[in-house]
Amino acid sequence: MAEVSTIQQSLASPDKRIGPVIVLLTLSFIIGSALRISLVVFYPFVALFIAVYYRFRLTASLIILIILAGLSWFLSLFEGFFLKYNVLSFFYMLPFLLLLFSDPAAKQNKQPAHLTLFIRCLTLIALINDVIGVAQIFYNPNSDDSFIGIYSEYSVSINGLMILNAVLFFYYFLCYRDKNTIVSLLLSVFFLGCAILGFYGAGLVVCTAAFILAFYRFQLTAIIKSFAIGLVSLATVSLVMMIVKPITFEYNVANLKKIISFDIKNGPRKLTSFYNYGISYPRDVKDFLFGSGPGTFNSRSAFMVGSPSYFQLFNFIKDEDKPYYFENYAYSLWNEKNTSKQLFLDGFRNQPFSSILAFMGEYGLIFTVCFFLLYYRYYRRVANVYYSSPNTSGSAVDFTFFKFLIILLPLLLLIDNYLEYPEIMLLLLLSIKLSHMALLNKTAGS
């Protein structure tokens, strides 16, 4: 029972260990319970606390991206002043950049295993959620959205809970491959089952893709194995859906058919939003390269401020004026008129949200390209740390977990505005940083 002994060791040395346990348990409870609502207000402060607590260092990558984001905002002022849209977008973007591109110290001075502690804390919260969620499914079997536990129905609801379970499944799966322990096997199977019970089709697809790519090697055998795993995973999920939630299965099949048979007038608004970007931004060189300004196109921030029917928690942030691109190419796809229609299959495919699309439109092509180049550069730096000492005990788990998260993050940003859901970003970004730190600890001096 490695997870039990880790907690016991942490509590046994209160001068060095009890602090991280309290911090990570608190963060886990905020991420995995109804307290996540508080992040709507405290997200930047929580991100700053994490950076200070772990003594993250500023990097050239972080500074470059902040400068480019600031330049996008400055140039947008010549077209109009949309302060609420801009401020709210920065409210989400700056903490995201800080946690992703700031660096942990090269030497951690034998700090406790924070990644292990964090996973154990998340496990505790997820178990509470999942046990209650399973009971909710039996209590209300006809609902697709009953699996919520103490996560609450606010915001991303079961989507976020599914992602949490998928992350835990992958970690324990790696632990099982590394140590071959029955506890890790049982936990991985349990969390995989609970991830499927969320019935979040798009999330399951991108998590499966990240799972496959995390082990991917450009070899014929690896390609065959990856393809086989993908088919088996898809067949398993489909079978479970057909048995437990046949209506949900039909819903996802119909969605796929609609996406495949795309047309501009009646096609999925998810794809139409990308089409709208393609026919609007390239017409203006400045907006295409530098963006129309933070929060002025297809971000959650734009809808929170500009839509009177969306996000009414804080009405004081509302603004009747709408930026040009938001009003004509995003809000037209998702407003109180067309979202009020109770249409069958009016789900994921008709939600025109994507953080990557918001990157390109609001912060510009230059920012987006630099972001992904620097993102890949960050991955390569961490990969080089691992490949310099690949046989260090436990380092394979840390690096493969890191790689899974690094792949999963942009996939999630592609399918929705997850950048602006702090509970999802804190889960992924903190896991990325703690796995990076764990790798540095284990390879130091090797």
Protein backbone atom coordinates (compact mmCIF):
# COMPACT_ATOMS: atom_id res chain seq x y z
CA MET A 1 0.00 0.00 0.00
CA ALA A 2 2.45 2.61 -1.20
CA GLU A 3 -0.12 5.40 -1.13
CA VAL A 4 -0.88 4.80 2.56
CA SER A 5 2.79 4.70 3.57
CA THR A 6 3.43 7.95 1.67
CA ILE A 7 0.75 9.79 3.63
CA GLN A 8 2.01 8.28 6.88
CA GLN A 9 5.56 9.38 6.14
CA SER A 10 4.30 12.85 5.32
CA LEU A 11 2.45 13.16 8.61
CA ALA A 12 5.37 11.69 10.56
CA SER A 13 7.59 14.73 9.87
CA PRO A 14 5.31 17.73 10.47
CA ASP A 15 8.10 20.25 10.11
CA LYS A 16 8.67 19.36 6.45
CA ARG A 17 5.71 17.23 5.40
CA ILE A 18 2.48 18.45 6.93
CA GLY A 19 2.57 21.72 4.96
CA PRO A 20 2.50 20.09 1.51
CA VAL A 21 -0.24 17.68 2.63
CA ILE A 22 -2.47 20.54 3.77
CA VAL A 23 -1.77 22.61 0.65
CA LEU A 24 -2.32 19.80 -1.84
CA LEU A 25 -5.36 18.40 -0.04
CA THR A 26 -6.91 21.88 -0.04
CA LEU A 27 -6.17 22.35 -3.74
CA SER A 28 -7.58 18.89 -4.50
CA PHE A 29 -10.77 19.67 -2.59
CA ILE A 30 -11.16 22.95 -4.48
CA ILE A 31 -10.56 21.26 -7.84
CA GLY A 32 -12.79 18.24 -7.19
CA SER A 33 -15.77 19.60 -5.28
CA ALA A 34 -18.38 22.34 -5.41
CA LEU A 35 -15.74 24.69 -3.99
CA ARG A 36 -14.39 24.97 -7.53
CA ILE A 37 -16.98 27.73 -7.99
CA SER A 38 -14.74 29.94 -5.84
CA LEU A 39 -12.10 29.90 -8.59
CA VAL A 40 -14.30 32.26 -10.59
CA VAL A 41 -13.01 34.90 -8.18
CA PHE A 42 -9.76 33.52 -6.75
CA TYR A 43 -8.12 31.80 -9.71
CA PRO A 44 -5.28 34.32 -10.23
CA PHE A 45 -4.53 34.37 -6.50
CA VAL A 46 -4.44 30.57 -6.31
CA ALA A 47 -2.13 30.43 -9.34
CA LEU A 48 0.16 33.07 -7.82
CA PHE A 49 0.20 31.19 -4.50
CA ILE A 50 1.26 27.98 -6.27
CA ALA A 51 4.03 29.81 -8.14
CA VAL A 52 5.34 31.41 -4.94
CA TYR A 53 4.93 28.27 -2.82
CA TYR A 54 7.00 26.20 -5.23
CA ARG A 55 9.34 29.08 -6.06
CA PHE A 56 8.73 28.92 -9.78
CA ARG A 57 11.06 31.07 -11.83
CA LEU A 58 10.15 33.40 -14.67
CA THR A 59 11.33 32.21 -18.07
CA ALA A 60 12.00 33.87 -21.39
CA SER A 61 9.05 31.93 -22.85
CA LEU A 62 6.67 33.38 -20.27
CA ILE A 63 7.92 36.92 -20.83
CA ILE A 64 7.66 36.62 -24.63
CA LEU A 65 4.06 35.41 -24.49
CA ILE A 66 3.01 38.08 -22.00
CA ILE A 67 4.56 40.75 -24.24
CA LEU A 68 2.74 39.39 -27.30
CA ALA A 69 -0.55 39.24 -25.39
CA GLY A 70 -0.02 42.82 -24.24
CA LEU A 71 0.76 43.90 -27.79
CA SER A 72 -2.48 42.32 -29.00
CA TRP A 73 -4.41 44.28 -26.38
CA PHE A 74 -2.63 47.55 -27.19
CA LEU A 75 -3.24 47.29 -30.95
CA SER A 76 -6.90 46.42 -30.36
CA LEU A 77 -7.45 49.77 -28.63
CA PHE A 78 -7.33 51.49 -32.02
CA GLU A 79 -10.51 49.62 -33.04
CA GLY A 80 -12.50 50.14 -29.85
CA PHE A 81 -12.30 50.04 -26.07
CA PHE A 82 -13.80 46.87 -24.58
CA LEU A 83 -12.32 46.93 -21.09
CA LYS A 84 -14.52 44.26 -19.49
CA TYR A 85 -13.87 41.81 -22.29
CA ASN A 86 -10.12 42.48 -22.13
CA VAL A 87 -9.78 42.28 -18.36
CA LEU A 88 -11.77 39.07 -18.04
CA SER A 89 -9.73 37.39 -20.78
CA PHE A 90 -6.46 38.38 -19.07
CA PHE A 91 -7.96 37.09 -15.79
CA TYR A 92 -7.79 33.59 -17.27
CA MET A 93 -4.85 33.89 -19.65
CA LEU A 94 -2.18 35.28 -17.30
CA PRO A 95 -2.52 32.58 -14.59
CA PHE A 96 -2.51 29.96 -17.33
CA LEU A 97 0.73 31.27 -18.82
CA LEU A 98 2.31 31.68 -15.39
CA LEU A 99 1.67 28.10 -14.29
CA LEU A 100 2.56 26.57 -17.64
CA PHE A 101 5.72 28.45 -18.61
CA SER A 102 7.35 29.30 -15.27
CA ASP A 103 9.99 26.78 -14.23
CA PRO A 104 10.53 24.81 -11.04
CA ALA A 105 14.03 25.06 -9.59
CA ALA A 106 16.59 22.75 -11.14
CA LYS A 107 17.32 21.21 -7.72
CA GLN A 108 14.43 20.53 -5.37
CA ASN A 109 16.59 19.83 -2.30
CA LYS A 110 14.94 16.48 -1.62
CA GLN A 111 11.47 17.90 -1.22
CA PRO A 112 8.70 15.41 -0.42
CA ALA A 113 7.07 13.62 -3.35
CA HIS A 114 4.51 16.32 -4.11
CA LEU A 115 3.18 14.60 -7.21
CA THR A 116 2.45 11.44 -5.22
CA LEU A 117 0.81 13.49 -2.46
CA PHE A 118 -1.30 15.39 -4.96
CA ILE A 119 -2.47 12.21 -6.66
CA ARG A 120 -3.36 10.64 -3.31
CA CYS A 121 -5.33 13.74 -2.31
CA LEU A 122 -7.13 13.78 -5.66
CA THR A 123 -7.85 10.08 -5.24
CA LEU A 124 -9.59 10.71 -1.93
CA ILE A 125 -11.79 13.45 -3.39
CA ALA A 126 -12.48 11.47 -6.58
CA LEU A 127 -13.52 8.39 -4.60
CA ILE A 128 -16.09 10.45 -2.72
CA ASN A 129 -17.35 11.89 -6.01
CA ASP A 130 -17.50 8.54 -7.74
CA VAL A 131 -19.23 6.59 -4.99
CA ILE A 132 -21.91 9.26 -4.77
CA GLY A 133 -22.02 9.47 -8.58
CA VAL A 134 -22.67 5.75 -8.99
CA ALA A 135 -25.50 6.00 -6.44
CA GLN A 136 -26.91 8.95 -8.40
CA ILE A 137 -26.94 6.88 -11.60
CA PHE A 138 -28.95 4.13 -9.91
CA TYR A 139 -31.26 6.72 -8.37
CA ASN A 140 -31.82 8.54 -11.67
CA PRO A 141 -30.95 6.06 -14.46
CA ASN A 142 -32.72 8.00 -17.22
CA SER A 143 -30.50 11.07 -16.90
CA ASP A 144 -27.24 11.40 -18.83
CA ASP A 145 -26.01 14.06 -16.40
CA SER A 146 -26.62 12.40 -13.03
CA PHE A 147 -23.00 11.40 -12.35
CA ILE A 148 -21.79 14.51 -10.49
CA GLY A 149 -21.04 13.52 -6.87
CA ILE A 150 -19.92 16.52 -4.80
CA TYR A 151 -18.50 18.13 -7.95
CA SER A 152 -21.78 20.06 -8.38
CA GLU A 153 -23.74 20.85 -11.52
CA TYR A 154 -22.14 24.28 -11.93
CA SER A 155 -20.24 24.97 -15.13
CA VAL A 156 -18.54 21.97 -16.78
CA SER A 157 -20.16 19.52 -14.39
CA ILE A 158 -19.71 15.89 -15.49
CA ASN A 159 -17.20 16.92 -18.16
CA GLY A 160 -14.74 18.05 -15.52
CA LEU A 161 -15.37 15.01 -13.34
CA MET A 162 -14.76 12.74 -16.33
CA ILE A 163 -11.41 14.45 -17.00
CA LEU A 164 -10.43 14.11 -13.34
CA ASN A 165 -11.17 10.38 -13.42
CA ALA A 166 -9.30 9.96 -16.72
CA VAL A 167 -6.17 11.63 -15.29
CA LEU A 168 -6.25 9.37 -12.21
CA PHE A 169 -6.85 6.29 -14.36
CA PHE A 170 -3.77 7.04 -16.46
CA TYR A 171 -1.54 7.66 -13.43
CA TYR A 172 -2.52 4.44 -11.70
CA PHE A 173 -2.23 2.56 -14.98
CA LEU A 174 1.38 3.75 -15.18
CA CYS A 175 1.98 2.73 -11.57
CA TYR A 176 0.66 -0.72 -12.34
CA ARG A 177 2.94 -1.06 -15.36
CA ASP A 178 5.88 0.06 -13.23
CA LYS A 179 5.32 -1.92 -10.01
CA ASN A 180 2.67 -4.48 -11.01
CA THR A 181 0.69 -3.93 -7.79
CA ILE A 182 -2.90 -5.07 -7.39
CA VAL A 183 -3.93 -1.80 -5.71
CA SER A 184 -2.80 0.27 -8.70
CA LEU A 185 -4.60 -2.11 -11.06
CA LEU A 186 -7.87 -1.92 -9.14
CA LEU A 187 -7.69 1.88 -8.89
CA SER A 188 -6.93 2.27 -12.60
CA VAL A 189 -9.85 0.03 -13.57
CA PHE A 190 -12.18 1.83 -11.14
CA PHE A 191 -11.29 5.31 -12.38
CA LEU A 192 -11.52 4.19 -16.01
CA GLY A 193 -15.04 2.90 -15.36
CA CYS A 194 -16.03 6.15 -13.66
CA ALA A 195 -14.57 8.19 -16.54
CA ILE A 196 -16.77 6.23 -18.94
CA LEU A 197 -19.80 6.70 -16.69
CA GLY A 198 -19.50 10.44 -17.27
CA PHE A 199 -20.55 9.75 -20.89
CA TYR A 200 -18.66 12.79 -22.14
CA GLY A 201 -18.06 11.65 -25.72
CA ALA A 202 -15.65 14.36 -26.87
CA GLY A 203 -13.67 14.11 -23.64
CA LEU A 204 -13.36 10.35 -23.95
CA VAL A 205 -12.12 10.72 -27.52
CA VAL A 206 -9.34 13.20 -26.69
CA CYS A 207 -8.33 11.30 -23.53
CA THR A 208 -8.08 8.11 -25.59
CA ALA A 209 -5.98 9.95 -28.18
CA ALA A 210 -3.67 11.30 -25.45
CA PHE A 211 -3.42 7.81 -23.93
CA ILE A 212 -2.31 6.31 -27.24
CA LEU A 213 0.11 9.12 -28.13
CA ALA A 214 1.70 9.05 -24.67
CA PHE A 215 3.16 5.63 -25.58
CA TYR A 216 3.60 6.30 -29.26
CA ARG A 217 6.86 5.58 -31.04
CA PHE A 218 7.35 6.02 -34.78
CA GLN A 219 7.78 2.31 -35.45
CA LEU A 220 5.62 -0.17 -37.33
CA THR A 221 4.91 -2.26 -34.24
CA ALA A 222 4.02 0.86 -32.26
CA ILE A 223 1.65 2.03 -34.98
CA ILE A 224 -0.09 -1.36 -35.07
CA LYS A 225 -0.37 -1.46 -31.29
CA SER A 226 -1.67 2.12 -31.14
CA PHE A 227 -4.28 1.39 -33.79
CA ALA A 228 -5.36 -1.80 -32.01
CA ILE A 229 -5.61 -0.05 -28.63
CA GLY A 230 -7.68 2.71 -30.21
CA LEU A 231 -10.12 0.25 -31.76
CA VAL A 232 -10.45 -1.78 -28.56
CA SER A 233 -10.94 1.37 -26.48
CA LEU A 234 -13.58 2.73 -28.85
CA ALA A 235 -15.38 -0.62 -28.97
CA THR A 236 -15.32 -0.94 -25.17
CA VAL A 237 -16.69 2.56 -24.57
CA SER A 238 -19.37 2.05 -27.23
CA LEU A 239 -20.40 -1.29 -25.72
CA VAL A 240 -20.71 0.20 -22.23
CA MET A 241 -22.79 3.07 -23.61
CA MET A 242 -25.06 0.71 -25.54
CA ILE A 243 -25.71 -1.35 -22.42
CA VAL A 244 -25.96 1.34 -19.75
CA LYS A 245 -27.18 4.38 -21.72
CA PRO A 246 -28.50 3.40 -25.16
CA ILE A 247 -29.99 6.86 -25.72
CA THR A 248 -26.58 8.42 -25.09
CA PHE A 249 -25.02 6.00 -27.58
CA GLU A 250 -27.54 7.02 -30.24
CA TYR A 251 -26.86 10.68 -29.42
CA ASN A 252 -23.10 10.31 -30.04
CA VAL A 253 -23.58 8.30 -33.24
CA ALA A 254 -25.95 10.93 -34.62
CA ASN A 255 -23.45 13.65 -33.68
CA LEU A 256 -20.70 11.91 -35.64
CA LYS A 257 -22.96 11.59 -38.68
CA LYS A 258 -23.82 15.30 -38.52
CA ILE A 259 -20.14 16.27 -38.30
CA ILE A 260 -19.19 14.05 -41.24
CA SER A 261 -21.98 15.46 -43.42
CA PHE A 262 -21.03 19.07 -42.69
CA ASP A 263 -22.56 21.99 -44.59
CA ILE A 264 -22.37 25.68 -43.80
CA LYS A 265 -26.07 26.37 -43.34
CA ASN A 266 -27.14 23.35 -41.32
CA GLY A 267 -23.84 21.90 -40.14
CA PRO A 268 -22.46 21.77 -36.58
CA ARG A 269 -21.79 25.20 -35.15
CA LYS A 270 -18.53 23.85 -33.71
CA LEU A 271 -17.16 23.60 -37.25
CA THR A 272 -18.98 26.71 -38.44
CA SER A 273 -17.09 28.75 -35.82
CA PHE A 274 -13.78 27.75 -37.44
CA TYR A 275 -15.24 28.53 -40.86
CA ASN A 276 -16.28 31.96 -39.60
CA TYR A 277 -12.75 32.62 -38.42
CA GLY A 278 -11.42 31.65 -41.83
CA ILE A 279 -13.70 34.04 -43.71
CA SER A 280 -13.30 37.00 -41.36
CA TYR A 281 -9.86 37.45 -39.80
CA PRO A 282 -7.66 36.99 -42.91
CA ARG A 283 -9.39 40.03 -44.41
CA ASP A 284 -7.56 42.28 -41.92
CA VAL A 285 -3.79 41.75 -41.70
CA LYS A 286 -3.47 43.37 -38.27
CA ASP A 287 -6.27 41.33 -36.71
CA PHE A 288 -5.07 38.16 -38.41
CA LEU A 289 -1.50 38.52 -37.14
CA PHE A 290 -2.01 40.24 -33.78
CA GLY A 291 -5.64 39.45 -32.96
CA SER A 292 -8.69 41.59 -32.39
CA GLY A 293 -7.94 41.87 -28.67
CA PRO A 294 -8.40 39.67 -25.59
CA GLY A 295 -11.96 38.47 -25.12
CA THR A 296 -13.34 39.88 -28.38
CA PHE A 297 -14.19 36.77 -30.40
CA ASN A 298 -14.90 33.19 -29.37
CA SER A 299 -13.71 32.93 -25.78
CA ARG A 300 -15.81 32.16 -22.74
CA SER A 301 -14.92 35.68 -21.59
CA ALA A 302 -16.70 37.19 -24.59
CA PHE A 303 -19.90 35.25 -23.85
CA MET A 304 -19.71 35.96 -20.11
CA VAL A 305 -19.60 39.71 -20.77
CA GLY A 306 -21.56 40.08 -24.01
CA SER A 307 -24.38 37.57 -23.65
CA PRO A 308 -27.23 38.66 -21.35
CA SER A 309 -28.42 35.06 -20.95
CA TYR A 310 -25.06 33.39 -20.26
CA PHE A 311 -23.26 33.41 -16.89
CA GLN A 312 -25.56 35.50 -14.73
CA LEU A 313 -23.62 34.87 -11.52
CA PHE A 314 -22.06 38.35 -11.69
CA ASN A 315 -24.29 40.65 -13.72
CA PHE A 316 -22.05 43.64 -13.10
CA ILE A 317 -19.59 42.31 -15.70
CA LYS A 318 -22.21 42.50 -18.46
CA ASP A 319 -21.77 44.96 -21.31
CA GLU A 320 -24.34 45.79 -24.01
CA ASP A 321 -21.62 46.76 -26.50
CA LYS A 322 -20.23 43.83 -28.42
CA PRO A 323 -16.90 43.62 -30.28
CA TYR A 324 -17.26 43.23 -34.03
CA TYR A 325 -15.96 39.68 -34.40
CA PHE A 326 -17.82 38.41 -31.36
CA GLU A 327 -21.13 39.92 -32.45
CA ASN A 328 -21.01 38.83 -36.08
CA TYR A 329 -19.09 35.54 -36.05
CA ALA A 330 -19.50 33.95 -32.60
CA TYR A 331 -22.52 35.35 -30.76
CA SER A 332 -24.65 34.72 -33.84
CA LEU A 333 -23.97 31.00 -33.34
CA TRP A 334 -24.74 30.85 -29.63
CA ASN A 335 -27.34 33.19 -28.13
CA GLU A 336 -30.63 33.13 -26.26
CA LYS A 337 -32.57 32.63 -29.49
CA ASN A 338 -30.90 29.54 -30.88
CA THR A 339 -29.82 27.94 -27.58
CA SER A 340 -33.32 28.13 -26.12
CA LYS A 341 -34.61 25.68 -28.70
CA GLN A 342 -34.97 22.24 -27.17
CA LEU A 343 -33.60 20.44 -30.20
CA PHE A 344 -32.52 16.82 -30.16
CA LEU A 345 -28.76 16.45 -30.49
CA ASP A 346 -28.13 20.15 -29.83
CA GLY A 347 -25.07 19.37 -27.76
CA PHE A 348 -21.27 19.33 -28.24
CA ARG A 349 -21.35 19.68 -32.01
CA ASN A 350 -23.42 22.86 -31.73
CA GLN A 351 -21.31 24.56 -29.07
CA PRO A 352 -18.97 26.88 -31.00
CA PHE A 353 -16.30 27.02 -28.29
CA SER A 354 -12.58 26.44 -28.64
CA SER A 355 -9.72 28.05 -26.75
CA ILE A 356 -7.37 27.50 -29.67
CA LEU A 357 -9.81 29.32 -31.93
CA ALA A 358 -9.94 32.12 -29.36
CA PHE A 359 -6.11 32.20 -29.34
CA MET A 360 -5.99 32.71 -33.10
CA GLY A 361 -8.76 35.29 -33.24
CA GLU A 362 -8.24 37.28 -30.06
CA TYR A 363 -4.47 37.10 -29.57
CA GLY A 364 -3.44 36.59 -33.18
CA LEU A 365 -1.62 34.09 -35.35
CA ILE A 366 1.81 35.24 -34.15
CA PHE A 367 0.91 34.64 -30.50
CA THR A 368 -0.63 31.25 -31.30
CA VAL A 369 2.36 30.03 -33.31
CA CYS A 370 4.80 31.25 -30.63
CA PHE A 371 2.71 29.61 -27.92
CA PHE A 372 2.88 26.18 -29.54
CA LEU A 373 6.54 26.49 -30.49
CA LEU A 374 7.43 27.40 -26.91
CA TYR A 375 5.07 24.72 -25.63
CA TYR A 376 6.88 22.09 -27.69
CA ARG A 377 10.21 23.53 -26.57
CA TYR A 378 9.11 23.09 -22.94
CA TYR A 379 8.18 19.47 -23.61
CA ARG A 380 11.55 18.81 -25.26
CA ARG A 381 13.44 20.29 -22.30
CA VAL A 382 11.63 17.97 -19.89
CA ALA A 383 12.05 15.03 -22.27
CA ASN A 384 15.81 15.66 -22.36
CA VAL A 385 15.90 15.50 -18.56
CA TYR A 386 14.26 12.09 -18.69
CA TYR A 387 16.32 10.71 -21.58
CA SER A 388 19.52 11.75 -19.81
CA SER A 389 18.68 9.23 -17.04
CA PRO A 390 15.94 6.95 -18.41
CA ASN A 391 16.66 4.07 -16.04
CA THR A 392 16.18 6.04 -12.83
CA SER A 393 13.61 4.29 -10.64
CA GLY A 394 10.14 5.79 -11.08
CA SER A 395 11.20 8.34 -13.69
CA ALA A 396 9.34 6.53 -16.48
CA VAL A 397 6.05 6.99 -14.59
CA ASP A 398 6.70 10.70 -14.04
CA PHE A 399 7.71 11.38 -17.63
CA THR A 400 4.94 9.35 -19.28
CA PHE A 401 2.38 11.03 -17.03
CA PHE A 402 3.89 14.40 -17.98
CA LYS A 403 3.72 13.47 -21.67
CA PHE A 404 0.08 12.37 -21.39
CA LEU A 405 -0.87 15.70 -19.82
CA ILE A 406 1.16 17.71 -22.34
CA ILE A 407 -0.73 15.99 -25.16
CA LEU A 408 -4.12 16.16 -23.45
CA LEU A 409 -3.99 19.90 -22.71
CA PRO A 410 -4.04 21.23 -26.33
CA LEU A 411 -6.63 18.61 -27.30
CA LEU A 412 -8.95 19.91 -24.60
CA LEU A 413 -8.23 23.49 -25.67
CA LEU A 414 -9.27 22.49 -29.17
CA ILE A 415 -12.68 21.03 -28.29
CA ASP A 416 -13.85 23.68 -25.81
CA ASN A 417 -12.95 26.89 -23.99
CA TYR A 418 -11.20 24.93 -21.23
CA LEU A 419 -8.57 27.65 -20.83
CA GLU A 420 -11.25 29.60 -18.99
CA TYR A 421 -12.37 26.80 -16.67
CA PRO A 422 -9.89 27.16 -13.77
CA GLU A 423 -10.83 23.84 -12.14
CA ILE A 424 -9.71 21.98 -15.28
CA MET A 425 -6.62 24.10 -15.82
CA LEU A 426 -5.43 23.81 -12.21
CA LEU A 427 -5.79 20.04 -12.37
CA LEU A 428 -3.73 19.77 -15.55
CA LEU A 429 -1.18 22.52 -14.96
CA LEU A 430 -0.40 21.55 -11.37
CA SER A 431 -0.06 17.90 -12.45
CA ILE A 432 2.29 18.96 -15.25
CA LYS A 433 4.48 20.98 -12.91
CA LEU A 434 4.55 18.39 -10.13
CA SER A 435 5.47 15.61 -12.58
CA HIS A 436 8.22 17.89 -13.92
CA MET A 437 9.46 18.46 -10.36
CA ALA A 438 9.31 14.74 -9.55
CA LEU A 439 11.41 14.00 -12.63
CA LEU A 440 13.99 16.61 -11.61
CA ASN A 441 14.19 15.13 -8.11
CA LYS A 442 14.72 11.59 -9.33
CA THR A 443 17.27 12.41 -12.03
CA ALA A 444 19.29 14.95 -10.00
CA GLY A 445 22.80 13.66 -9.52
CA SER A 446 22.20 10.60 -11.70
